[in-house]
Amino acid sequence: MHEIELALLEDMLRIYSPSREEIGLSAFLVERMTSLGFQAYQDTVHNAIGVMGSGSKTIFLLGHIDTVPGNIPVQRKGNKLYGRGAVDAKGPMATFINAAHRLKEEVTSLDKRVVVFGAVEEEAATSRGARQLAKDFATPHFCIIGEPSRWNAITLAYKGRLLVEYQLKVPLKHTAARGKLVCEQAVDFWNEIKSWCKHYNRGKSAFESIDPSIRSFHSEDDGFHEAAHLGLGLRLPLRFPLERFKNFLLEAAGEGRCHFYGEELAVRSDKSNALVKTFLHSIRACHGIPKFKLKSGTSDMNVVAPVWNCPIVAYGPGDSALDHTPEEHIEIEEYGRAIDVLEFVLRNL
C-alpha cells in the first residue's frame, strides 16, 4: 500500500460528515478523484461520483460517505487508524477509490468502466443517495457495496428493517388509582411484540428470525394527559409476512398510534456468479481464506439490489463490531490488503 492511499483515508476521516452534513466531504472527494484521473462530479443530492474508463463492462462501487454522529480524533496508534467512519464506511469508500485508481493506466485495454459512488444519508434510514442513484443509473454488469466485511470476506445478505413510532396518550390519573399507567401500557405493548416474535422465531436460524429492539422510550404529561412514546426497530428476515405483522402491531396498539417508516426488504445474493467467484479467487491469491457473511443490519444493498438486479455483494475492510462505537478504528494492514483484493477483482471480472 502506498502512503498516498493511506493519506486519502486520513483526509476523509478529518472531514466530519454525519448524515445530512456530507456536502463538504462530497466536494473533497470530487476534487480528489478528479486529481487522480477520474471524471468526477456531484449529483443533485450531493452524491460524489467518479468514473474511471469508458469500456463495455460496467462495475459499480457503491459506498456511503455519511456517518453516525460523534467526532473521534483522527490518529494512528501502531497499526490502527482511529476516526469516525474508519470502519463504517469511509474505509471501504477509500478502498474503492484507491483500487479503481490503480487501474488508471490499463482501464482502456481492460475494456472496463468503473463507477465509484459516495452516497449520502445511508445512516439516516432514508438512503437518499442510493435511491437517487437507482433512478439515475441503468443496471451495471456487477455491483459492490462498500461495507465492512473484513478483507477476506464478502457479505451476501442483509436483513430487512421496519421502524415504528408508537404513542399512547390517556387522561392523567393518580398513581394510586386502579388501572395501568401509560408507561405500563406501553410496556405491555412491547411484551406482546416480544411474544409474537418469539413464536415466529421458533425453530429458525438467526438470519431467518425477526429481531425486535427498543430504540427510545420516554413519557410526559401536561397536567391533564400523560403520554408514552416508544421508538422500535425490527430486523426482518427474507420472505417475512410484513403486512400481517403490521396489522398485528396496529391491533396490539389498541388506543395507541403506530407510525411505520424506514421500511426495507431483506436481500440475499446468489453465490453462483462471476463476481463471487472472482472475489474468492482474489482473496486466495492474496493468501487469505475466503468467508461468506450474512448481516443482521441493513445497507444500501437493500435499496439497489431489487432495482439493478445484477450480481451484487458487499465488501470492505474493518470489523463491523466497531461500527458506531467510541473506539472505531481500522487496522492499516487490513486496509491495504482490501485494496489489493479489490484491485485484483476489478482486473479480472
Protein backbone atom coordinates (compact mmCIF):
# COMPACT_ATOMS: atom_id res chain seq x y z
CA MET A 1 0.00 0.00 0.00
CA HIS A 2 1.28 3.46 -0.90
CA GLU A 3 1.35 6.26 1.68
CA ILE A 4 -0.91 8.33 -0.60
CA GLU A 5 -3.58 5.63 -0.28
CA LEU A 6 -3.48 5.80 3.50
CA ALA A 7 -3.43 9.61 3.35
CA LEU A 8 -6.70 9.57 1.39
CA LEU A 9 -8.48 7.76 4.22
CA GLU A 10 -6.93 10.02 6.86
CA ASP A 11 -8.07 13.11 4.97
CA MET A 12 -11.59 11.69 4.69
CA LEU A 13 -11.72 10.94 8.41
CA ARG A 14 -10.76 14.52 9.26
CA ILE A 15 -13.88 15.81 7.48
CA TYR A 16 -16.79 15.33 9.88
CA SER A 17 -19.76 14.12 7.84
CA PRO A 18 -22.75 12.89 9.86
CA SER A 19 -25.90 12.21 7.86
CA ARG A 20 -27.26 15.30 6.08
CA GLU A 21 -23.93 17.10 6.56
CA GLU A 22 -21.95 15.31 3.84
CA ILE A 23 -21.57 18.15 1.33
CA GLY A 24 -18.04 19.07 2.46
CA LEU A 25 -16.74 15.52 2.17
CA SER A 26 -18.55 15.07 -1.13
CA ALA A 27 -16.85 18.16 -2.58
CA PHE A 28 -13.48 16.97 -1.27
CA LEU A 29 -13.91 13.56 -2.91
CA VAL A 30 -14.87 15.10 -6.25
CA GLU A 31 -11.74 17.24 -6.14
CA ARG A 32 -9.50 14.34 -5.07
CA MET A 33 -10.94 11.88 -7.61
CA THR A 34 -10.51 14.47 -10.37
CA SER A 35 -6.83 14.85 -9.41
CA LEU A 36 -6.47 11.05 -9.59
CA GLY A 37 -7.82 10.89 -13.14
CA PHE A 38 -11.49 10.19 -12.59
CA GLN A 39 -14.25 12.09 -14.33
CA ALA A 40 -15.83 13.29 -11.10
CA TYR A 41 -18.85 15.36 -10.11
CA GLN A 42 -21.63 15.83 -7.56
CA ASP A 43 -25.20 14.97 -8.44
CA THR A 44 -28.36 16.77 -7.31
CA VAL A 45 -28.37 15.21 -3.81
CA HIS A 46 -24.58 15.69 -3.34
CA ASN A 47 -23.53 12.13 -4.00
CA ALA A 48 -19.85 12.12 -5.04
CA ILE A 49 -19.43 10.24 -8.34
CA GLY A 50 -16.20 9.29 -10.08
CA VAL A 51 -15.89 7.43 -13.39
CA MET A 52 -12.75 5.61 -14.48
CA GLY A 53 -12.74 4.33 -18.08
CA SER A 54 -15.43 4.00 -20.73
CA GLY A 55 -15.34 0.32 -21.61
CA SER A 56 -18.20 -2.03 -22.38
CA LYS A 57 -18.21 -3.78 -18.98
CA THR A 58 -19.59 -1.59 -16.16
CA ILE A 59 -18.79 -2.15 -12.49
CA PHE A 60 -20.41 -0.03 -9.77
CA LEU A 61 -18.64 0.53 -6.46
CA LEU A 62 -21.27 1.98 -4.14
CA GLY A 63 -20.05 3.28 -0.78
CA HIS A 64 -21.55 5.81 1.60
CA ILE A 65 -19.84 8.92 2.95
CA ASP A 66 -22.07 9.78 5.90
CA THR A 67 -21.50 8.55 9.45
CA VAL A 68 -23.37 8.43 12.70
CA PRO A 69 -22.78 11.47 14.97
CA GLY A 70 -19.78 11.65 17.28
CA ASN A 71 -16.42 13.05 16.26
CA ILE A 72 -13.44 10.80 17.06
CA PRO A 73 -9.95 12.36 16.92
CA VAL A 74 -8.06 11.06 13.89
CA GLN A 75 -4.84 9.39 14.98
CA ARG A 76 -2.58 6.46 14.28
CA LYS A 77 -1.79 4.10 17.13
CA GLY A 78 0.59 1.46 15.88
CA ASN A 79 -1.21 -0.46 13.13
CA LYS A 80 -4.56 1.16 13.92
CA LEU A 81 -6.13 4.28 12.42
CA TYR A 82 -8.84 5.88 14.56
CA GLY A 83 -11.64 8.16 13.37
CA ARG A 84 -15.40 8.29 12.93
CA GLY A 85 -16.19 6.31 9.79
CA ALA A 86 -12.88 4.41 9.71
CA VAL A 87 -14.94 1.21 9.52
CA ASP A 88 -18.44 2.41 8.63
CA ALA A 89 -17.84 3.25 5.91
CA LYS A 90 -15.06 5.63 4.87
CA GLY A 91 -12.56 2.78 4.99
CA PRO A 92 -14.45 0.79 2.33
CA MET A 93 -15.06 4.00 0.33
CA ALA A 94 -11.36 4.87 0.28
CA THR A 95 -10.64 1.26 -0.70
CA PHE A 96 -12.93 1.70 -3.72
CA ILE A 97 -11.22 4.89 -4.89
CA ASN A 98 -7.71 3.52 -4.48
CA ALA A 99 -8.42 0.18 -6.16
CA ALA A 100 -10.09 1.88 -9.14
CA HIS A 101 -7.21 4.38 -9.39
CA ARG A 102 -4.70 1.52 -9.70
CA LEU A 103 -6.39 0.61 -13.00
CA LYS A 104 -5.91 4.09 -14.44
CA GLU A 105 -3.23 3.18 -17.00
CA GLU A 106 -4.90 -0.09 -18.05
CA VAL A 107 -8.61 0.61 -17.86
CA THR A 108 -8.90 1.17 -21.63
CA SER A 109 -7.17 -2.10 -22.53
CA LEU A 110 -9.27 -3.90 -19.89
CA ASP A 111 -12.44 -2.55 -21.57
CA LYS A 112 -13.86 -1.55 -18.16
CA ARG A 113 -15.97 1.31 -16.88
CA VAL A 114 -15.66 1.57 -13.11
CA VAL A 115 -18.04 3.99 -11.40
CA VAL A 116 -17.38 4.94 -7.77
CA PHE A 117 -20.32 6.35 -5.79
CA GLY A 118 -20.07 8.09 -2.43
CA ALA A 119 -23.71 8.07 -1.36
CA VAL A 120 -25.38 10.30 1.23
CA GLU A 121 -27.80 9.55 4.08
CA GLU A 122 -27.24 5.82 4.39
CA GLU A 123 -27.07 6.12 8.18
CA ALA A 124 -30.20 8.31 8.30
CA ALA A 125 -32.51 5.40 7.36
CA THR A 126 -33.52 7.32 4.23
CA SER A 127 -30.78 6.06 1.85
CA ARG A 128 -31.44 9.20 -0.14
CA GLY A 129 -28.21 8.89 -2.10
CA ALA A 130 -28.71 5.27 -3.11
CA ARG A 131 -32.32 5.89 -4.13
CA GLN A 132 -31.19 8.71 -6.41
CA LEU A 133 -28.53 6.52 -7.98
CA ALA A 134 -31.05 3.72 -8.54
CA LYS A 135 -33.14 6.22 -10.53
CA ASP A 136 -30.29 7.79 -12.47
CA PHE A 137 -28.15 4.79 -13.45
CA ALA A 138 -29.03 1.77 -15.55
CA THR A 139 -28.20 -1.74 -14.39
CA PRO A 140 -24.45 -2.47 -14.37
CA HIS A 141 -22.81 -5.81 -15.04
CA PHE A 142 -21.67 -6.01 -11.39
CA CYS A 143 -22.14 -4.02 -8.18
CA ILE A 144 -20.08 -3.97 -4.98
CA ILE A 145 -21.43 -2.25 -1.86
CA GLY A 146 -18.90 -0.60 0.46
CA GLU A 147 -19.47 -2.00 3.95
CA PRO A 148 -17.06 -3.64 6.41
CA SER A 149 -16.77 -7.40 5.97
CA ARG A 150 -13.04 -7.85 6.81
CA TRP A 151 -10.53 -8.07 3.95
CA ASN A 152 -11.02 -11.82 3.43
CA ALA A 153 -14.83 -12.00 3.49
CA ILE A 154 -17.79 -10.91 1.37
CA THR A 155 -21.32 -10.22 2.56
CA LEU A 156 -24.07 -11.93 0.61
CA ALA A 157 -27.17 -10.84 2.52
CA TYR A 158 -28.74 -8.20 4.75
CA LYS A 159 -31.87 -8.41 6.80
CA GLY A 160 -34.72 -6.01 6.16
CA ARG A 161 -35.95 -3.31 8.51
CA LEU A 162 -39.10 -1.73 9.90
CA LEU A 163 -39.02 1.28 12.23
CA VAL A 164 -42.05 2.04 14.39
CA GLU A 165 -43.02 5.10 16.43
CA TYR A 166 -45.68 4.20 18.99
CA GLN A 167 -47.58 6.80 21.02
CA LEU A 168 -50.28 6.34 23.64
CA LYS A 169 -51.99 9.34 25.26
CA VAL A 170 -54.52 8.92 28.09
CA PRO A 171 -56.16 11.15 30.75
CA LEU A 172 -53.91 11.70 33.76
CA LYS A 173 -54.86 9.93 37.00
CA HIS A 174 -53.41 9.43 40.46
CA THR A 175 -50.73 6.74 40.68
CA ALA A 176 -52.79 5.01 43.40
CA ALA A 177 -55.86 4.76 41.17
CA ARG A 178 -56.86 1.43 39.65
CA GLY A 179 -55.71 0.51 36.20
CA LYS A 180 -52.34 0.68 34.46
CA LEU A 181 -50.46 3.89 33.95
CA VAL A 182 -49.48 4.92 30.45
CA CYS A 183 -45.90 3.61 30.72
CA GLU A 184 -47.15 0.24 31.95
CA GLN A 185 -49.48 0.01 28.94
CA ALA A 186 -46.56 0.80 26.65
CA VAL A 187 -44.57 -1.99 28.30
CA ASP A 188 -47.50 -4.35 27.71
CA PHE A 189 -47.42 -3.42 24.01
CA TRP A 190 -43.70 -4.19 23.88
CA ASN A 191 -44.22 -7.52 25.63
CA GLU A 192 -46.86 -8.52 23.07
CA ILE A 193 -44.35 -7.79 20.30
CA LYS A 194 -41.70 -9.90 22.00
CA SER A 195 -44.16 -12.76 22.42
CA TRP A 196 -45.16 -12.60 18.73
CA CYS A 197 -41.52 -12.58 17.63
CA LYS A 198 -40.60 -15.46 19.95
CA HIS A 199 -43.38 -17.55 18.45
CA TYR A 200 -42.35 -16.63 14.88
CA ASN A 201 -38.67 -17.40 15.54
CA ARG A 202 -39.25 -20.86 16.98
CA GLY A 203 -37.05 -23.37 15.14
CA LYS A 204 -35.48 -20.73 12.87
CA SER A 205 -31.84 -19.74 12.46
CA ALA A 206 -30.58 -16.30 13.45
CA PHE A 207 -30.79 -14.99 9.88
CA GLU A 208 -34.30 -16.40 9.47
CA SER A 209 -35.54 -14.70 12.67
CA ILE A 210 -37.05 -11.29 13.38
CA ASP A 211 -35.07 -9.16 15.86
CA PRO A 212 -37.05 -6.54 17.83
CA SER A 213 -35.39 -3.73 19.79
CA ILE A 214 -36.36 -0.60 21.74
CA ARG A 215 -34.53 2.42 20.28
CA SER A 216 -36.12 5.02 22.56
CA PHE A 217 -38.68 5.23 25.39
CA HIS A 218 -39.95 8.33 27.15
CA SER A 219 -43.08 9.72 28.75
CA GLU A 220 -44.56 13.14 29.51
CA ASP A 221 -47.64 14.83 30.90
CA ASP A 222 -49.22 18.28 30.63
CA GLY A 223 -51.21 18.15 33.86
CA PHE A 224 -54.28 16.73 32.12
CA HIS A 225 -52.97 13.87 29.96
CA GLU A 226 -49.96 11.58 30.09
CA ALA A 227 -48.28 10.11 27.03
CA ALA A 228 -45.77 7.34 26.37
CA HIS A 229 -43.56 7.19 23.28
CA LEU A 230 -41.74 4.08 22.09
CA GLY A 231 -39.27 4.00 19.21
CA LEU A 232 -38.89 0.45 17.94
CA GLY A 233 -36.57 -1.17 15.42
CA LEU A 234 -37.28 -4.54 13.84
CA ARG A 235 -34.79 -6.50 11.73
CA LEU A 236 -36.71 -8.61 9.25
CA PRO A 237 -35.76 -11.91 7.57
CA LEU A 238 -36.30 -12.91 3.96
CA ARG A 239 -39.88 -13.59 2.89
CA PHE A 240 -41.22 -12.09 6.10
CA PRO A 241 -45.04 -11.54 6.22
CA LEU A 242 -44.67 -7.79 6.72
CA GLU A 243 -48.25 -6.71 6.11
CA ARG A 244 -49.58 -9.35 8.52
CA PHE A 245 -47.09 -8.17 11.14
CA LYS A 246 -48.04 -4.51 10.67
CA ASN A 247 -51.71 -5.43 11.12
CA PHE A 248 -50.78 -7.22 14.35
CA LEU A 249 -48.98 -4.11 15.59
CA LEU A 250 -51.97 -1.89 14.86
CA GLU A 251 -54.27 -4.28 16.70
CA ALA A 252 -51.88 -4.70 19.66
CA ALA A 253 -51.51 -0.91 19.94
CA GLY A 254 -55.20 -0.61 20.89
CA GLU A 255 -55.83 3.10 21.54
CA GLY A 256 -52.22 3.88 20.77
CA ARG A 257 -50.98 5.08 17.39
CA CYS A 258 -48.27 3.46 15.26
CA HIS A 259 -46.26 5.24 12.58
CA PHE A 260 -44.24 2.99 10.26
CA TYR A 261 -41.15 4.18 8.37
CA GLY A 262 -37.65 3.13 7.26
CA GLU A 263 -39.08 0.04 5.62
CA GLU A 264 -36.62 -2.16 3.70
CA LEU A 265 -36.97 -5.74 2.48
CA ALA A 266 -34.25 -8.29 3.19
CA VAL A 267 -31.91 -9.18 0.31
CA ARG A 268 -29.69 -12.17 -0.41
CA SER A 269 -27.25 -12.54 -3.29
CA ASP A 270 -26.54 -15.69 -5.25
CA LYS A 271 -23.15 -17.38 -4.84
CA SER A 272 -23.08 -18.78 -8.35
CA ASN A 273 -21.88 -15.82 -10.41
CA ALA A 274 -18.66 -14.36 -11.76
CA LEU A 275 -18.49 -11.63 -9.10
CA VAL A 276 -18.45 -14.05 -6.17
CA LYS A 277 -16.06 -16.44 -7.93
CA THR A 278 -13.64 -13.61 -8.72
CA PHE A 279 -13.68 -12.44 -5.10
CA LEU A 280 -12.93 -15.96 -3.86
CA HIS A 281 -10.04 -16.27 -6.31
CA SER A 282 -8.74 -12.81 -5.37
CA ILE A 283 -8.79 -13.45 -1.61
CA ARG A 284 -6.96 -16.74 -2.10
CA ALA A 285 -4.42 -15.02 -4.38
CA CYS A 286 -3.75 -12.57 -1.52
CA HIS A 287 -3.13 -15.53 0.85
CA GLY A 288 -6.47 -15.41 2.60
CA ILE A 289 -9.16 -17.99 3.35
CA PRO A 290 -12.42 -16.57 1.94
CA LYS A 291 -15.54 -16.38 4.06
CA PHE A 292 -19.19 -15.55 3.50
CA LYS A 293 -21.26 -13.35 5.81
CA LEU A 294 -24.97 -12.76 6.34
CA LYS A 295 -25.63 -9.46 8.15
CA SER A 296 -28.44 -8.68 10.58
CA GLY A 297 -28.36 -4.98 9.71
CA THR A 298 -29.27 -3.15 6.52
CA SER A 299 -27.26 -1.28 3.90
CA ASP A 300 -27.72 0.43 0.55
CA MET A 301 -27.68 -3.08 -0.91
CA ASN A 302 -31.30 -3.39 0.30
CA VAL A 303 -32.17 -0.37 -1.87
CA VAL A 304 -30.35 -1.02 -5.13
CA ALA A 305 -30.31 -4.83 -5.39
CA PRO A 306 -34.03 -5.16 -6.27
CA VAL A 307 -33.70 -2.34 -8.85
CA TRP A 308 -30.47 -3.22 -10.63
CA ASN A 309 -30.93 -6.99 -10.30
CA CYS A 310 -27.31 -7.81 -11.09
CA PRO A 311 -24.61 -9.84 -9.29
CA ILE A 312 -24.01 -7.90 -6.07
CA VAL A 313 -22.07 -8.33 -2.81
CA ALA A 314 -20.81 -6.07 -0.03
CA TYR A 315 -17.10 -5.79 0.67
CA GLY A 316 -14.71 -3.65 2.65
CA PRO A 317 -12.04 -3.70 5.34
CA GLY A 318 -12.87 -3.33 9.01
CA ASP A 319 -14.52 -5.09 11.91
CA SER A 320 -18.25 -4.29 11.87
CA ALA A 321 -18.37 -4.84 15.64
CA LEU A 322 -16.69 -1.40 15.84
CA ASP A 323 -19.45 0.33 13.82
CA HIS A 324 -20.84 3.39 15.64
CA THR A 325 -18.64 2.84 18.70
CA PRO A 326 -16.38 5.38 20.50
CA GLU A 327 -13.37 3.16 19.66
CA GLU A 328 -13.99 2.97 15.91
CA HIS A 329 -10.73 2.21 14.10
CA ILE A 330 -9.35 0.23 11.21
CA GLU A 331 -6.20 -1.85 11.00
CA ILE A 332 -3.89 -0.22 8.48
CA GLU A 333 -2.54 -3.54 7.19
CA GLU A 334 -6.06 -4.83 6.58
CA TYR A 335 -6.97 -1.65 4.69
CA GLY A 336 -4.02 -2.24 2.37
CA ARG A 337 -4.94 -5.88 1.86
CA ALA A 338 -8.50 -4.94 0.94
CA ILE A 339 -7.21 -2.55 -1.75
CA ASP A 340 -5.09 -5.40 -3.16
CA VAL A 341 -8.07 -7.78 -3.18
CA LEU A 342 -10.38 -5.29 -4.87
CA GLU A 343 -7.76 -4.31 -7.46
CA PHE A 344 -7.47 -8.00 -8.39
CA VAL A 345 -11.27 -8.28 -8.62
CA LEU A 346 -11.60 -5.22 -10.89
CA ARG A 347 -8.85 -6.50 -13.21
CA ASN A 348 -10.28 -9.98 -13.54
CA LEU A 349 -14.06 -9.51 -13.70
